[in-house]
C-alpha atoms as a PDB file:
ATOM      1  CA  MET A   1     -80.460  31.015  89.141  1.00  0.00           C
ATOM      2  CA  THR A   2     -82.586  30.380  92.229  1.00  0.00           C
ATOM      3  CA  PRO A   3     -84.636  33.063  94.027  1.00  0.00           C
ATOM      4  CA  VAL A   4     -82.828  32.058  97.214  1.00  0.00           C
ATOM      5  CA  ALA A   5     -79.513  33.105  95.683  1.00  0.00           C
ATOM      6  CA  LEU A   6     -80.944  36.507  94.751  1.00  0.00           C
ATOM      7  CA  VAL A   7     -82.291  37.014  98.283  1.00  0.00           C
ATOM      8  CA  VAL A   8     -78.951  35.965  99.794  1.00  0.00           C
ATOM      9  CA  ALA A   9     -77.064  38.318  97.458  1.00  0.00           C
ATOM     10  CA  PHE A  10     -79.290  41.313  98.257  1.00  0.00           C
ATOM     11  CA  GLY A  11     -79.247  40.590 101.995  1.00  0.00           C
ATOM     12  CA  SER A  12     -75.468  40.246 101.937  1.00  0.00           C
ATOM     13  CA  GLY A  13     -75.235  43.669 100.354  1.00  0.00           C
ATOM     14  CA  VAL A  14     -77.494  45.238 102.992  1.00  0.00           C
ATOM     15  CA  VAL A  15     -75.458  43.700 105.821  1.00  0.00           C
ATOM     16  CA  SER A  16     -72.204  44.790 104.140  1.00  0.00           C
ATOM     17  CA  PHE A  17     -73.450  48.352 104.399  1.00  0.00           C
ATOM     18  CA  LEU A  18     -73.116  48.083 108.190  1.00  0.00           C
ATOM     19  CA  ALA A  19     -69.477  46.959 107.983  1.00  0.00           C
ATOM     20  CA  PRO A  20     -67.041  48.958 110.159  1.00  0.00           C
ATOM     21  CA  CYS A  21     -65.419  50.521 107.091  1.00  0.00           C
ATOM     22  CA  THR A  22     -68.594  51.980 105.585  1.00  0.00           C
ATOM     23  CA  VAL A  23     -70.916  53.489 108.203  1.00  0.00           C
ATOM     24  CA  PRO A  24     -68.261  55.495 110.146  1.00  0.00           C
ATOM     25  CA  LEU A  25     -67.112  57.107 106.901  1.00  0.00           C
ATOM     26  CA  LEU A  26     -70.590  58.211 105.828  1.00  0.00           C
ATOM     27  CA  PRO A  27     -70.168  61.855 106.960  1.00  0.00           C
ATOM     28  CA  ALA A  28     -66.896  62.123 105.003  1.00  0.00           C
ATOM     29  CA  TYR A  29     -68.484  60.596 101.910  1.00  0.00           C
ATOM     30  CA  VAL A  30     -71.452  62.946 102.193  1.00  0.00           C
ATOM     31  CA  GLY A  31     -69.052  65.890 102.159  1.00  0.00           C
ATOM     32  CA  VAL A  32     -67.223  64.555  99.106  1.00  0.00           C
ATOM     33  CA  LEU A  33     -70.337  63.603  97.176  1.00  0.00           C
ATOM     34  CA  SER A  34     -72.302  66.779  97.838  1.00  0.00           C
ATOM     35  CA  GLY A  35     -69.435  69.265  97.580  1.00  0.00           C
ATOM     36  CA  SER A  36     -69.068  72.399  99.650  1.00  0.00           C
ATOM     37  CA  ALA A  37     -69.174  75.223  97.149  1.00  0.00           C
ATOM     38  CA  ALA A  38     -70.130  78.651  98.523  1.00  0.00           C
ATOM     39  CA  GLY A  39     -73.447  80.126  97.525  1.00  0.00           C
ATOM     40  CA  VAL A  40     -75.044  76.748  96.850  1.00  0.00           C
ATOM     41  CA  SER A  41     -78.593  76.338  98.127  1.00  0.00           C
ATOM     42  CA  VAL A  42     -79.757  73.416 100.243  1.00  0.00           C
ATOM     43  CA  GLU A  43     -81.761  72.111  97.296  1.00  0.00           C
ATOM     44  CA  GLN A  44     -78.675  72.218  95.071  1.00  0.00           C
ATOM     45  CA  GLN A  45     -76.584  70.492  97.741  1.00  0.00           C
ATOM     46  CA  THR A  46     -79.209  67.755  98.037  1.00  0.00           C
ATOM     47  CA  ALA A  47     -79.370  67.335  94.253  1.00  0.00           C
ATOM     48  CA  ARG A  48     -75.567  67.071  94.102  1.00  0.00           C
ATOM     49  CA  LEU A  49     -75.593  64.531  96.932  1.00  0.00           C
ATOM     50  CA  ILE A  50     -78.186  62.353  95.182  1.00  0.00           C
ATOM     51  CA  ARG A  51     -76.305  62.529  91.887  1.00  0.00           C
ATOM     52  CA  GLY A  52     -72.963  61.873  93.582  1.00  0.00           C
ATOM     53  CA  SER A  53     -74.336  58.972  95.614  1.00  0.00           C
ATOM     54  CA  LEU A  54     -75.784  57.316  92.517  1.00  0.00           C
ATOM     55  CA  LEU A  55     -72.487  57.712  90.622  1.00  0.00           C
ATOM     56  CA  TYR A  56     -70.651  56.299  93.631  1.00  0.00           C
ATOM     57  CA  VAL A  57     -72.940  53.253  93.636  1.00  0.00           C
ATOM     58  CA  VAL A  58     -72.424  52.810  89.876  1.00  0.00           C
ATOM     59  CA  GLY A  59     -68.655  52.856  90.456  1.00  0.00           C
ATOM     60  CA  PHE A  60     -68.511  50.034  92.984  1.00  0.00           C
ATOM     61  CA  THR A  61     -71.260  48.125  91.160  1.00  0.00           C
ATOM     62  CA  ALA A  62     -69.041  47.959  88.067  1.00  0.00           C
ATOM     63  CA  VAL A  63     -66.231  46.457  90.144  1.00  0.00           C
ATOM     64  CA  PHE A  64     -68.477  43.917  91.872  1.00  0.00           C
ATOM     65  CA  VAL A  65     -70.201  42.866  88.632  1.00  0.00           C
ATOM     66  CA  ALA A  66     -66.787  42.275  87.037  1.00  0.00           C
ATOM     67  CA  LEU A  67     -65.874  40.061  89.992  1.00  0.00           C
ATOM     68  CA  GLY A  68     -69.182  38.219  89.640  1.00  0.00           C
ATOM     69  CA  VAL A  69     -68.625  37.574  85.944  1.00  0.00           C
ATOM     70  CA  ALA A  70     -65.156  36.211  86.728  1.00  0.00           C
ATOM     71  CA  ALA A  71     -66.471  33.985  89.550  1.00  0.00           C
ATOM     72  CA  GLY A  72     -69.310  32.656  87.391  1.00  0.00           C
ATOM     73  CA  SER A  73     -66.957  31.900  84.525  1.00  0.00           C
ATOM     74  CA  LEU A  74     -64.497  30.141  86.827  1.00  0.00           C
ATOM     75  CA  GLY A  75     -67.253  28.118  88.473  1.00  0.00           C
ATOM     76  CA  GLN A  76     -68.613  27.033  85.097  1.00  0.00           C
ATOM     77  CA  ALA A  77     -65.152  25.946  83.961  1.00  0.00           C
ATOM     78  CA  VAL A  78     -64.593  23.930  87.136  1.00  0.00           C
ATOM     79  CA  ARG A  79     -68.023  22.269  86.845  1.00  0.00           C
ATOM     80  CA  GLN A  80     -67.337  21.280  83.258  1.00  0.00           C
ATOM     81  CA  SER A  81     -64.126  19.630  84.402  1.00  0.00           C
ATOM     82  CA  GLY A  82     -66.038  17.660  87.033  1.00  0.00           C
ATOM     83  CA  GLY A  83     -64.912  19.697  90.043  1.00  0.00           C
ATOM     84  CA  PRO A  84     -67.112  19.983  93.180  1.00  0.00           C
ATOM     85  CA  VAL A  85     -67.821  23.716  92.936  1.00  0.00           C
ATOM     86  CA  GLN A  86     -70.613  23.821  95.524  1.00  0.00           C
ATOM     87  CA  ARG A  87     -68.604  22.024  98.185  1.00  0.00           C
ATOM     88  CA  ILE A  88     -65.528  24.149  97.565  1.00  0.00           C
ATOM     89  CA  GLY A  89     -67.667  27.290  97.712  1.00  0.00           C
ATOM     90  CA  GLY A  90     -69.374  26.045 100.860  1.00  0.00           C
ATOM     91  CA  GLY A  91     -66.030  25.487 102.540  1.00  0.00           C
ATOM     92  CA  LEU A  92     -65.027  29.024 101.622  1.00  0.00           C
ATOM     93  CA  VAL A  93     -68.293  30.400 103.040  1.00  0.00           C
ATOM     94  CA  LEU A  94     -67.671  28.545 106.309  1.00  0.00           C
ATOM     95  CA  LEU A  95     -64.201  30.086 106.541  1.00  0.00           C
ATOM     96  CA  LEU A  96     -65.658  33.522 105.843  1.00  0.00           C
ATOM     97  CA  ALA A  97     -68.281  33.009 108.564  1.00  0.00           C
ATOM     98  CA  ALA A  98     -65.500  32.182 111.021  1.00  0.00           C
ATOM     99  CA  ALA A  99     -63.637  35.324 109.937  1.00  0.00           C
ATOM    100  CA  LEU A 100     -66.781  37.382 110.481  1.00  0.00           C
ATOM    101  CA  LEU A 101     -67.213  35.995 113.998  1.00  0.00           C
ATOM    102  CA  ALA A 102     -63.564  36.801 114.725  1.00  0.00           C
ATOM    103  CA  ASP A 103     -64.097  40.321 113.407  1.00  0.00           C
ATOM    104  CA  ALA A 104     -67.153  40.803 115.631  1.00  0.00           C
ATOM    105  CA  ARG A 105     -64.963  39.855 118.612  1.00  0.00           C
ATOM    106  CA  TYR A 106     -61.608  41.397 117.713  1.00  0.00           C
ATOM    107  CA  GLY A 107     -62.299  43.865 114.868  1.00  0.00           C
ATOM    108  CA  LEU A 108     -59.760  42.232 112.560  1.00  0.00           C
ATOM    109  CA  LEU A 109     -61.332  42.925 109.174  1.00  0.00           C
ATOM    110  CA  SER A 110     -61.857  46.634 109.775  1.00  0.00           C
ATOM    111  CA  ARG A 111     -58.107  47.026 110.233  1.00  0.00           C
ATOM    112  CA  LEU A 112     -57.545  45.823 106.666  1.00  0.00           C
ATOM    113  CA  ALA A 113     -59.454  48.732 105.165  1.00  0.00           C
ATOM    114  CA  PRO A 114     -57.477  51.824 104.120  1.00  0.00           C
ATOM    115  CA  THR A 115     -57.783  54.571 106.715  1.00  0.00           C
ATOM    116  CA  GLY A 116     -55.966  57.430 105.033  1.00  0.00           C
ATOM    117  CA  ASP A 117     -58.069  60.285 103.693  1.00  0.00           C
ATOM    118  CA  ARG A 118     -55.566  61.757 101.218  1.00  0.00           C
ATOM    119  CA  GLY A 119     -57.352  60.267  98.232  1.00  0.00           C
ATOM    120  CA  ARG A 120     -60.759  61.334  99.504  1.00  0.00           C
ATOM    121  CA  SER A 121     -59.486  64.874 100.106  1.00  0.00           C
ATOM    122  CA  ARG A 122     -58.146  65.056  96.573  1.00  0.00           C
ATOM    123  CA  LEU A 123     -61.481  63.884  95.224  1.00  0.00           C
ATOM    124  CA  ALA A 124     -63.305  66.387  97.421  1.00  0.00           C
ATOM    125  CA  ARG A 125     -61.294  69.214  95.854  1.00  0.00           C
ATOM    126  CA  SER A 126     -61.879  67.872  92.359  1.00  0.00           C
ATOM    127  CA  SER A 127     -64.343  69.738  90.191  1.00  0.00           C
ATOM    128  CA  SER A 128     -64.875  66.724  87.960  1.00  0.00           C
ATOM    129  CA  ALA A 129     -68.456  65.523  87.743  1.00  0.00           C
ATOM    130  CA  PHE A 130     -67.099  61.979  87.670  1.00  0.00           C
ATOM    131  CA  ALA A 131     -65.153  62.184  90.944  1.00  0.00           C
ATOM    132  CA  PRO A 132     -67.911  60.252  92.833  1.00  0.00           C
ATOM    133  CA  LEU A 133     -67.765  57.529  90.172  1.00  0.00           C
ATOM    134  CA  LEU A 134     -64.016  57.171  90.721  1.00  0.00           C
ATOM    135  CA  LEU A 135     -64.549  57.119  94.472  1.00  0.00           C
ATOM    136  CA  GLY A 136     -66.989  54.243  94.022  1.00  0.00           C
ATOM    137  CA  VAL A 137     -64.427  52.298  91.982  1.00  0.00           C
ATOM    138  CA  VAL A 138     -61.843  52.927  94.722  1.00  0.00           C
ATOM    139  CA  PHE A 139     -64.274  51.600  97.339  1.00  0.00           C
ATOM    140  CA  GLY A 140     -65.023  48.523  95.244  1.00  0.00           C
ATOM    141  CA  THR A 141     -61.328  47.672  94.979  1.00  0.00           C
ATOM    142  CA  ALA A 142     -59.663  48.930  98.154  1.00  0.00           C
ATOM    143  CA  PHE A 143     -62.365  48.118 100.703  1.00  0.00           C
ATOM    144  CA  THR A 144     -63.177  44.561  99.636  1.00  0.00           C
ATOM    145  CA  PRO A 145     -61.296  43.040 102.637  1.00  0.00           C
ATOM    146  CA  CYS A 146     -63.664  44.801 105.035  1.00  0.00           C
ATOM    147  CA  VAL A 147     -66.850  43.619 103.303  1.00  0.00           C
ATOM    148  CA  GLY A 148     -65.101  40.367 102.377  1.00  0.00           C
ATOM    149  CA  PRO A 149     -67.206  37.752 104.211  1.00  0.00           C
ATOM    150  CA  PHE A 150     -70.495  38.682 102.559  1.00  0.00           C
ATOM    151  CA  LEU A 151     -68.927  39.592  99.234  1.00  0.00           C
ATOM    152  CA  GLY A 152     -67.064  36.280  99.286  1.00  0.00           C
ATOM    153  CA  ALA A 153     -70.233  34.360 100.087  1.00  0.00           C
ATOM    154  CA  THR A 154     -71.996  36.001  97.144  1.00  0.00           C
ATOM    155  CA  LEU A 155     -69.064  35.219  94.857  1.00  0.00           C
ATOM    156  CA  SER A 156     -69.196  31.594  96.024  1.00  0.00           C
ATOM    157  CA  LEU A 157     -72.870  31.485  95.094  1.00  0.00           C
ATOM    158  CA  ALA A 158     -72.023  33.064  91.736  1.00  0.00           C
ATOM    159  CA  ALA A 159     -69.542  30.277  91.085  1.00  0.00           C
ATOM    160  CA  SER A 160     -72.113  27.647  92.090  1.00  0.00           C
ATOM    161  CA  GLU A 161     -75.206  29.039  90.361  1.00  0.00           C
ATOM    162  CA  GLY A 162     -74.218  29.253  86.707  1.00  0.00           C
ATOM    163  CA  GLY A 163     -71.943  31.026  84.259  1.00  0.00           C
ATOM    164  CA  ALA A 164     -70.670  34.533  83.694  1.00  0.00           C
ATOM    165  CA  ALA A 165     -74.102  36.128  83.163  1.00  0.00           C
ATOM    166  CA  GLN A 166     -75.569  34.637  86.339  1.00  0.00           C
ATOM    167  CA  GLY A 167     -72.495  35.712  88.302  1.00  0.00           C
ATOM    168  CA  GLY A 168     -72.806  39.250  87.014  1.00  0.00           C
ATOM    169  CA  VAL A 169     -76.503  39.406  87.923  1.00  0.00           C
ATOM    170  CA  LEU A 170     -75.900  38.085  91.443  1.00  0.00           C
ATOM    171  CA  LEU A 171     -73.190  40.648  92.134  1.00  0.00           C
ATOM    172  CA  ALA A 172     -75.354  43.400  90.661  1.00  0.00           C
ATOM    173  CA  VAL A 173     -78.048  42.401  93.177  1.00  0.00           C
ATOM    174  CA  TYR A 174     -75.411  42.403  95.936  1.00  0.00           C
ATOM    175  CA  ALA A 175     -74.352  45.916  94.888  1.00  0.00           C
ATOM    176  CA  LEU A 176     -78.001  46.991  94.913  1.00  0.00           C
ATOM    177  CA  GLY A 177     -78.352  45.731  98.476  1.00  0.00           C
ATOM    178  CA  LEU A 178     -75.295  47.762  99.459  1.00  0.00           C
ATOM    179  CA  GLY A 179     -76.173  50.803  97.355  1.00  0.00           C
ATOM    180  CA  VAL A 180     -79.813  51.405  98.318  1.00  0.00           C
ATOM    181  CA  PRO A 181     -79.160  51.851 102.066  1.00  0.00           C
ATOM    182  CA  PHE A 182     -76.049  53.884 101.251  1.00  0.00           C
ATOM    183  CA  VAL A 183     -78.021  56.431  99.218  1.00  0.00           C
ATOM    184  CA  VAL A 184     -80.815  56.590 101.818  1.00  0.00           C
ATOM    185  CA  ALA A 185     -78.386  56.868 104.746  1.00  0.00           C
ATOM    186  CA  SER A 186     -76.311  59.516 102.959  1.00  0.00           C
ATOM    187  CA  LEU A 187     -79.376  61.715 102.626  1.00  0.00           C
ATOM    188  CA  ALA A 188     -80.273  61.105 106.273  1.00  0.00           C
ATOM    189  CA  VAL A 189     -76.719  61.712 107.542  1.00  0.00           C
ATOM    190  CA  SER A 190     -76.518  64.998 105.638  1.00  0.00           C
ATOM    191  CA  GLY A 191     -79.262  66.267 107.950  1.00  0.00           C
ATOM    192  CA  SER A 192     -78.115  64.431 111.092  1.00  0.00           C
ATOM    193  CA  PRO A 193     -74.381  63.515 111.250  1.00  0.00           C
ATOM    194  CA  ALA A 194     -74.922  61.708 114.568  1.00  0.00           C
ATOM    195  CA  LEU A 195     -76.949  59.076 112.709  1.00  0.00           C
ATOM    196  CA  ALA A 196     -73.736  57.397 111.534  1.00  0.00           C
ATOM    197  CA  ARG A 197     -72.714  56.736 115.140  1.00  0.00           C
ATOM    198  CA  ARG A 198     -76.105  55.207 115.910  1.00  0.00           C
ATOM    199  CA  LEU A 199     -75.931  52.979 112.834  1.00  0.00           C
ATOM    200  CA  ASN A 200     -72.412  51.912 113.756  1.00  0.00           C
ATOM    201  CA  ARG A 201     -73.704  50.442 117.029  1.00  0.00           C
ATOM    202  CA  LEU A 202     -75.605  47.867 114.966  1.00  0.00           C
ATOM    203  CA  ALA A 203     -72.437  46.583 113.280  1.00  0.00           C
ATOM    204  CA  ARG A 204     -71.474  43.930 115.840  1.00  0.00           C
ATOM    205  CA  PRO A 205     -74.913  42.292 116.422  1.00  0.00           C
ATOM    206  CA  VAL A 206     -75.623  42.330 112.684  1.00  0.00           C
ATOM    207  CA  ALA A 207     -72.228  40.718 112.036  1.00  0.00           C
ATOM    208  CA  VAL A 208     -72.982  37.911 114.500  1.00  0.00           C
ATOM    209  CA  VAL A 209     -76.403  37.222 112.970  1.00  0.00           C
ATOM    210  CA  GLY A 210     -74.866  37.370 109.500  1.00  0.00           C
ATOM    211  CA  ALA A 211     -72.130  34.927 110.507  1.00  0.00           C
ATOM    212  CA  VAL A 212     -74.758  32.438 111.714  1.00  0.00           C
ATOM    213  CA  LEU A 213     -76.610  32.738 108.396  1.00  0.00           C
ATOM    214  CA  LEU A 214     -73.347  32.214 106.502  1.00  0.00           C
ATOM    215  CA  LEU A 215     -72.673  29.095 108.579  1.00  0.00           C
ATOM    216  CA  LEU A 216     -76.082  27.731 107.526  1.00  0.00           C
ATOM    217  CA  LEU A 217     -75.432  28.622 103.881  1.00  0.00           C
ATOM    218  CA  GLY A 218     -71.954  27.106 103.939  1.00  0.00           C
ATOM    219  CA  GLY A 219     -73.254  23.943 105.588  1.00  0.00           C
ATOM    220  CA  ALA A 220     -75.977  23.588 102.957  1.00  0.00           C
ATOM    221  CA  LEU A 221     -73.440  23.997 100.133  1.00  0.00           C
ATOM    222  CA  VAL A 222     -70.931  21.560 101.638  1.00  0.00           C
ATOM    223  CA  SER A 223     -73.592  18.931 102.368  1.00  0.00           C
ATOM    224  CA  GLY A 224     -75.095  19.247  98.892  1.00  0.00           C
ATOM    225  CA  SER A 225     -78.516  20.139 100.301  1.00  0.00           C
ATOM    226  CA  TYR A 226     -78.513  23.727  99.014  1.00  0.00           C
ATOM    227  CA  GLY A 227     -80.289  22.840  95.766  1.00  0.00           C
ATOM    228  CA  HIS A 228     -82.969  20.867  97.608  1.00  0.00           C
ATOM    229  CA  VAL A 229     -83.598  23.654 100.129  1.00  0.00           C
ATOM    230  CA  ALA A 230     -83.703  26.271  97.375  1.00  0.00           C
ATOM    231  CA  GLY A 231     -86.181  24.150  95.415  1.00  0.00           C
ATOM    232  CA  VAL A 232     -88.465  23.688  98.428  1.00  0.00           C
ATOM    233  CA  LEU A 233     -88.450  27.438  99.149  1.00  0.00           C
ATOM    234  CA  ALA A 234     -89.124  28.229  95.480  1.00  0.00           C
ATOM    235  CA  ARG A 235     -92.143  25.884  95.426  1.00  0.00           C
ATOM    236  CA  ALA A 236     -93.405  27.448  98.659  1.00  0.00           C
ATOM    237  CA  ASN A 237     -93.308  30.919  97.094  1.00  0.00           C
ATOM    238  CA  PRO A 238     -96.963  31.950  96.544  1.00  0.00           C
ATOM    239  CA  PHE A 239     -95.937  34.156  93.605  1.00  0.00           C
ATOM    240  CA  SER A 240     -94.151  31.379  91.724  1.00  0.00           C
ATOM    241  CA  SER A 241     -95.985  29.889  88.766  1.00  0.00           C
END
């Protein structure tokens, strides 16, 4: 597994955090994850929010890692049969980049995400300590169309980089890139709900920049130059042995 793939996976997760189906819902998630019980101090609310946010991240990480293991296994099987995994994955990344550009212009992908709050309300009323974990699993399954371009690009890399273990690691790194800003932003939004609106203004320019980067990645995979570029960058790393 190349360091470039790890950087791409983490960066894809960070950019996915700014997707139209995540940032606008931050205030609602903060309410669900922290609870609203009477007589609870600010310190207790904050502790519940941190614990809930971490469980939420664990929930969607489990889903993404399972997808990564499946993609890595499939890619390994196709390679062993002589199939051009990198070029197929590169073509998929190019299609995803085009979809991301279309979403930045027309907002198509955000319409695929579930908008109903019935499930979230039920979880908010739940006294189960594992409700945030379930909410994370729901996000990892139901909201994948909205974060699809960057998730798909990471899955394509997982299929190209190695087997099941490598795929799982790459998607764990992707989930980390999505989870770290989520936890930090949740804590910030709990003190300033207007922050979500300010973050949401970054969604379109970040999507355009991300689409350009996906076009470069897809082109490198299709042309077969990805391995060469990754090798050059790895040798240029001053911390590499």
